Protein backbone atom coordinates (compact mmCIF):
# COMPACT_ATOMS: atom_id res chain seq x y z
CA MET A 1 3.94 -84.06 -30.32
CA GLU A 2 3.68 -86.67 -33.08
CA LEU A 3 3.95 -84.61 -36.26
CA GLY A 4 2.57 -87.33 -38.52
CA ILE A 5 5.49 -87.27 -40.96
CA ARG A 6 7.41 -90.34 -39.80
CA GLY A 7 8.64 -92.23 -42.86
CA LYS A 8 8.44 -89.19 -45.14
CA ARG A 9 11.55 -88.05 -47.03
CA ALA A 10 12.91 -84.49 -47.15
CA LEU A 11 15.48 -82.49 -49.07
CA VAL A 12 17.03 -79.87 -46.81
CA CYS A 13 19.37 -77.42 -48.54
CA ALA A 14 22.39 -75.79 -46.87
CA SER A 15 21.95 -78.20 -43.98
CA SER A 16 25.49 -78.93 -42.81
CA LYS A 17 25.33 -76.24 -40.13
CA GLY A 18 23.31 -73.33 -38.79
CA LEU A 19 19.58 -73.00 -39.39
CA GLY A 20 19.54 -75.61 -42.15
CA LEU A 21 21.09 -78.16 -39.81
CA GLY A 22 18.55 -77.22 -37.14
CA CYS A 23 15.77 -78.02 -39.63
CA ALA A 24 17.38 -81.30 -40.69
CA ARG A 25 17.78 -82.46 -37.10
CA ALA A 26 14.21 -81.56 -36.18
CA LEU A 27 12.82 -83.42 -39.17
CA ALA A 28 15.01 -86.44 -38.39
CA GLU A 29 13.74 -86.41 -34.80
CA ALA A 30 10.22 -86.59 -36.27
CA GLY A 31 11.23 -89.71 -38.19
CA VAL A 32 11.85 -88.15 -41.60
CA ASP A 33 14.56 -89.60 -43.88
CA LEU A 34 16.80 -86.93 -45.34
CA VAL A 35 18.69 -85.75 -48.38
CA MET A 36 21.14 -83.22 -46.96
CA ASN A 37 22.88 -80.72 -49.20
CA ALA A 38 25.71 -78.24 -48.68
CA ARG A 39 28.77 -77.07 -50.56
CA GLY A 40 31.40 -78.32 -48.10
CA VAL A 41 31.88 -82.10 -48.14
CA GLU A 42 33.57 -82.63 -44.78
CA THR A 43 31.17 -80.61 -42.63
CA LEU A 44 28.20 -82.13 -44.45
CA GLU A 45 29.36 -85.71 -43.87
CA VAL A 46 30.00 -85.10 -40.17
CA ALA A 47 26.52 -83.59 -39.71
CA ALA A 48 24.88 -86.46 -41.61
CA ALA A 49 26.74 -89.10 -39.60
CA ASP A 50 25.64 -87.49 -36.33
CA ILE A 51 22.00 -87.49 -37.45
CA ARG A 52 22.12 -91.14 -38.56
CA THR A 53 23.58 -92.15 -35.21
CA GLU A 54 21.25 -90.06 -33.05
CA PHE A 55 17.93 -90.54 -34.84
CA GLY A 56 18.32 -93.74 -36.86
CA VAL A 57 16.97 -92.29 -40.10
CA THR A 58 18.37 -92.73 -43.58
CA VAL A 59 20.48 -89.78 -44.70
CA ASP A 60 21.79 -89.25 -48.23
CA THR A 61 24.24 -86.41 -48.85
CA VAL A 62 24.99 -84.28 -51.90
CA ALA A 63 27.85 -81.77 -51.80
CA ALA A 64 26.88 -79.24 -54.47
CA ASP A 65 26.05 -75.59 -55.07
CA VAL A 66 22.34 -75.46 -55.89
CA SER A 67 22.70 -71.99 -57.40
CA THR A 68 24.32 -73.69 -60.42
CA GLN A 69 22.59 -75.95 -62.94
CA GLU A 70 25.15 -78.69 -62.35
CA GLY A 71 24.69 -78.52 -58.59
CA ARG A 72 20.91 -78.65 -58.82
CA ALA A 73 21.09 -81.61 -61.19
CA ALA A 74 23.23 -83.53 -58.69
CA VAL A 75 20.86 -82.74 -55.83
CA LEU A 76 17.72 -83.56 -57.80
CA ASP A 77 19.20 -86.89 -58.87
CA LYS A 78 19.22 -87.93 -55.20
CA ALA A 79 16.03 -86.10 -54.18
CA GLN A 80 13.47 -87.45 -56.65
CA GLY A 81 10.29 -88.48 -54.85
CA VAL A 82 10.83 -86.41 -51.70
CA ASP A 83 7.73 -85.38 -49.77
CA ILE A 84 9.27 -82.30 -48.16
CA LEU A 85 11.49 -79.54 -49.57
CA VAL A 86 13.31 -77.01 -47.39
CA THR A 87 15.09 -74.39 -49.49
CA ASN A 88 17.88 -72.40 -47.90
CA ALA A 89 20.88 -70.34 -49.01
CA GLY A 90 23.22 -67.83 -47.45
CA GLY A 91 22.56 -64.22 -48.26
CA PRO A 92 24.63 -62.04 -50.61
CA PRO A 93 27.16 -59.58 -49.15
CA PRO A 94 26.03 -56.28 -47.61
CA GLY A 95 26.85 -52.91 -49.11
CA MET A 96 25.43 -49.63 -50.36
CA TRP A 97 23.16 -49.13 -53.34
CA THR A 98 26.02 -47.52 -55.23
CA ASP A 99 28.12 -50.68 -54.87
CA TRP A 100 25.95 -53.06 -56.85
CA GLU A 101 25.98 -53.67 -60.57
CA ARG A 102 23.80 -55.91 -62.72
CA GLU A 103 26.04 -58.95 -62.18
CA ASP A 104 25.71 -58.61 -58.40
CA PHE A 105 21.93 -58.75 -58.69
CA ILE A 106 22.10 -61.74 -61.03
CA LYS A 107 24.20 -63.66 -58.48
CA ALA A 108 21.76 -62.77 -55.70
CA LEU A 109 18.78 -63.81 -57.80
CA ASP A 110 20.44 -67.10 -58.77
CA ALA A 111 21.09 -68.05 -55.14
CA ASN A 112 18.10 -66.62 -53.30
CA MET A 113 15.27 -66.63 -55.83
CA LEU A 114 15.88 -68.66 -58.98
CA ALA A 115 17.47 -71.71 -57.32
CA PRO A 116 14.56 -72.22 -54.89
CA ILE A 117 12.08 -71.75 -57.74
CA ALA A 118 13.92 -74.34 -59.84
CA LEU A 119 13.79 -76.86 -56.98
CA ILE A 120 10.10 -76.15 -56.42
CA LYS A 121 9.33 -76.66 -60.11
CA ALA A 122 11.28 -79.91 -60.19
CA LEU A 123 9.89 -81.52 -57.04
CA VAL A 124 6.40 -80.14 -56.41
CA PRO A 125 4.72 -81.85 -59.41
CA GLY A 126 5.55 -85.25 -57.90
CA MET A 127 4.15 -84.16 -54.56
CA MET A 128 0.95 -83.07 -56.29
CA GLU A 129 0.63 -86.43 -58.06
CA ARG A 130 0.98 -88.21 -54.71
CA GLY A 131 -1.48 -85.83 -53.05
CA TRP A 132 0.78 -84.64 -50.24
CA GLY A 133 3.79 -82.37 -49.85
CA ARG A 134 5.39 -79.57 -47.87
CA VAL A 135 7.71 -76.77 -48.95
CA VAL A 136 9.37 -74.38 -46.51
CA ASN A 137 11.55 -71.59 -47.90
CA ILE A 138 13.98 -70.06 -45.42
CA THR A 139 14.11 -66.38 -46.34
CA SER A 140 14.71 -63.44 -43.96
CA VAL A 141 13.02 -60.81 -41.85
CA SER A 142 14.17 -58.41 -44.57
CA VAL A 143 11.17 -59.35 -46.72
CA LYS A 144 8.96 -57.84 -44.01
CA ALA A 145 11.27 -55.02 -42.94
CA PRO A 146 13.97 -54.34 -45.55
CA ILE A 147 17.49 -53.69 -44.25
CA GLY A 148 19.32 -50.89 -46.06
CA VAL A 149 22.74 -52.54 -46.36
CA LEU A 150 21.16 -55.80 -47.55
CA GLY A 151 19.66 -54.47 -50.75
CA LEU A 152 20.70 -57.52 -52.79
CA SER A 153 19.06 -59.87 -50.28
CA ASN A 154 16.00 -57.62 -49.90
CA SER A 155 15.43 -57.71 -53.66
CA ALA A 156 16.02 -61.40 -54.35
CA ARG A 157 14.16 -62.74 -51.32
CA ALA A 158 11.23 -60.40 -51.91
CA GLY A 159 11.03 -61.80 -55.43
CA LEU A 160 10.85 -65.35 -54.09
CA THR A 161 8.20 -64.24 -51.60
CA GLY A 162 6.03 -62.90 -54.41
CA TYR A 163 6.44 -66.12 -56.37
CA VAL A 164 5.48 -68.23 -53.36
CA ALA A 165 2.42 -66.08 -52.66
CA GLY A 166 0.88 -67.02 -55.98
CA THR A 167 2.23 -70.54 -56.41
CA SER A 168 1.31 -71.74 -52.92
CA ARG A 169 -2.34 -71.02 -53.61
CA GLN A 170 -2.25 -72.87 -56.92
CA ILE A 171 -0.88 -76.09 -55.42
CA ALA A 172 -2.68 -76.22 -52.07
CA GLY A 173 -5.71 -77.99 -53.50
CA ALA A 174 -3.48 -80.91 -54.44
CA GLY A 175 -2.36 -81.33 -50.84
CA VAL A 176 0.96 -79.50 -51.21
CA ILE A 177 1.50 -76.76 -48.64
CA MET A 178 4.14 -74.07 -49.13
CA ASN A 179 5.18 -71.31 -46.75
CA ASN A 180 8.19 -69.18 -45.87
CA LEU A 181 10.12 -69.08 -42.59
CA LEU A 182 11.79 -65.73 -41.81
CA PRO A 183 14.69 -65.80 -39.34
CA GLY A 184 15.98 -62.87 -37.36
CA PHE A 185 19.16 -63.06 -35.26
CA HIS A 186 20.03 -66.65 -34.35
CA ALA A 187 23.03 -68.10 -32.53
CA THR A 188 24.73 -69.69 -35.56
CA ASP A 189 28.35 -69.80 -36.69
CA ARG A 190 27.55 -67.08 -39.23
CA MET A 191 26.16 -64.82 -36.51
CA VAL A 192 29.18 -65.44 -34.29
CA GLY A 193 31.38 -64.42 -37.20
CA MET A 194 29.36 -61.28 -37.85
CA ASP A 195 29.56 -60.31 -34.19
CA GLY A 196 33.31 -60.83 -34.28
CA THR A 197 33.75 -58.72 -37.40
CA GLN A 198 31.61 -55.92 -35.99
CA ALA A 199 33.52 -56.05 -32.70
CA GLU A 200 36.85 -55.73 -34.49
CA LYS A 201 35.63 -52.70 -36.42
CA ALA A 202 34.24 -51.08 -33.26
CA GLY A 203 37.23 -51.89 -31.06
CA THR A 204 35.14 -53.90 -28.61
CA THR A 205 34.28 -57.54 -27.86
CA PRO A 206 31.86 -59.94 -29.56
CA ASP A 207 29.98 -60.28 -26.26
CA ALA A 208 29.46 -56.52 -26.16
CA ILE A 209 28.18 -56.49 -29.73
CA ARG A 210 25.80 -59.35 -28.94
CA ALA A 211 24.53 -57.55 -25.85
CA GLU A 212 23.77 -54.45 -27.92
CA ARG A 213 21.95 -56.50 -30.57
CA CYS A 214 19.91 -58.26 -27.91
CA LYS A 215 18.63 -54.89 -26.69
CA THR A 216 16.78 -54.60 -30.02
CA ILE A 217 15.08 -57.98 -29.52
CA PRO A 218 12.09 -58.01 -27.14
CA ALA A 219 12.87 -61.63 -26.22
CA GLY A 220 16.26 -60.36 -25.03
CA ARG A 221 18.37 -63.02 -26.76
CA TYR A 222 19.30 -64.66 -30.03
CA GLY A 223 17.18 -67.53 -31.27
CA THR A 224 18.59 -71.05 -31.39
CA PRO A 225 18.89 -73.44 -34.36
CA GLU A 226 16.91 -75.97 -32.32
CA GLU A 227 13.80 -73.80 -31.93
CA PHE A 228 14.10 -72.65 -35.54
CA GLY A 229 14.24 -76.28 -36.65
CA ALA A 230 11.25 -77.18 -34.50
CA THR A 231 9.21 -74.43 -36.16
CA CYS A 232 10.23 -75.71 -39.58
CA ALA A 233 9.27 -79.27 -38.62
CA PHE A 234 5.82 -78.09 -37.51
CA MET A 235 5.37 -76.29 -40.83
CA CYS A 236 6.13 -79.63 -42.54
CA SER A 237 3.75 -81.56 -40.31
CA GLN A 238 0.25 -82.97 -40.70
CA PHE A 239 -1.02 -80.00 -38.68
CA ALA A 240 0.08 -77.33 -41.19
CA GLY A 241 -2.39 -78.24 -43.92
CA PHE A 242 -4.40 -75.04 -43.54
CA MET A 243 -1.37 -72.70 -43.49
CA VAL A 244 -0.92 -71.55 -47.08
CA GLY A 245 1.48 -68.93 -48.49
CA GLN A 246 2.39 -67.43 -45.13
CA ASN A 247 5.55 -65.63 -44.02
CA ILE A 248 6.33 -66.81 -40.50
CA LEU A 249 8.59 -64.45 -38.54
CA LEU A 250 10.95 -66.02 -36.03
CA ASP A 251 12.83 -63.00 -34.72
CA GLY A 252 12.06 -62.69 -31.01
CA GLY A 253 9.67 -59.81 -31.68
CA ALA A 254 12.29 -57.55 -33.28
CA THR A 255 10.11 -56.70 -36.27
CA ASN A 256 7.35 -54.40 -35.04
CA SER A 257 4.50 -55.16 -37.41
CA THR A 258 0.87 -56.27 -37.28
CA MET A 259 0.94 -57.96 -40.70
């Protein structure tokens, strides 16, 4: 399918690996030039070089932490004039409600709510002036079905979701479309690590842990970065112009909900 975004330019955050990389690759395949961001220089440069070689698009890289003012400034210096913004950040650590103090919530809000909002505020006005833009925020299934041990993530990502609900409807008339993409279990390095950690605690194997998790997923498997990226690319396409302020679950059916 021709997505109608060839020649556009996108900023994709946390895109050196995992779901962010899946999004960057899918957009590049659609002919979109990229600004790729991540904290680790080496992994980021390898990912960018692979995309340049495979898809022939222009790729700029910025190694920076967008949860800090300095990091955002570095990214925005390279990303001025982008047509597409994909926000993404790893979630805060799990724990119990008794574990978290005010500073823990501030860190979670900085990474998973305030940083995306700052990028939106910096880049969306230009999209509105040009009459076209797309924003996809990678959040989590936890905004639909909160996960007890992920209280920091539940709180911060739900806050971003509320912000997007109102803002997306204020900017849609200017041709800028904003939605959220909510991943469940996907076969990423982070998920492999989590399976390994859980297996060590349980005295079993990562494969056994994965098999048990897959029993909770009607599709019977983990998602892939490739299909996640393809969904993101569609949400950035010419065909998504009537999809406003939505939370798109990509979890293999694991969240049992009608809304």
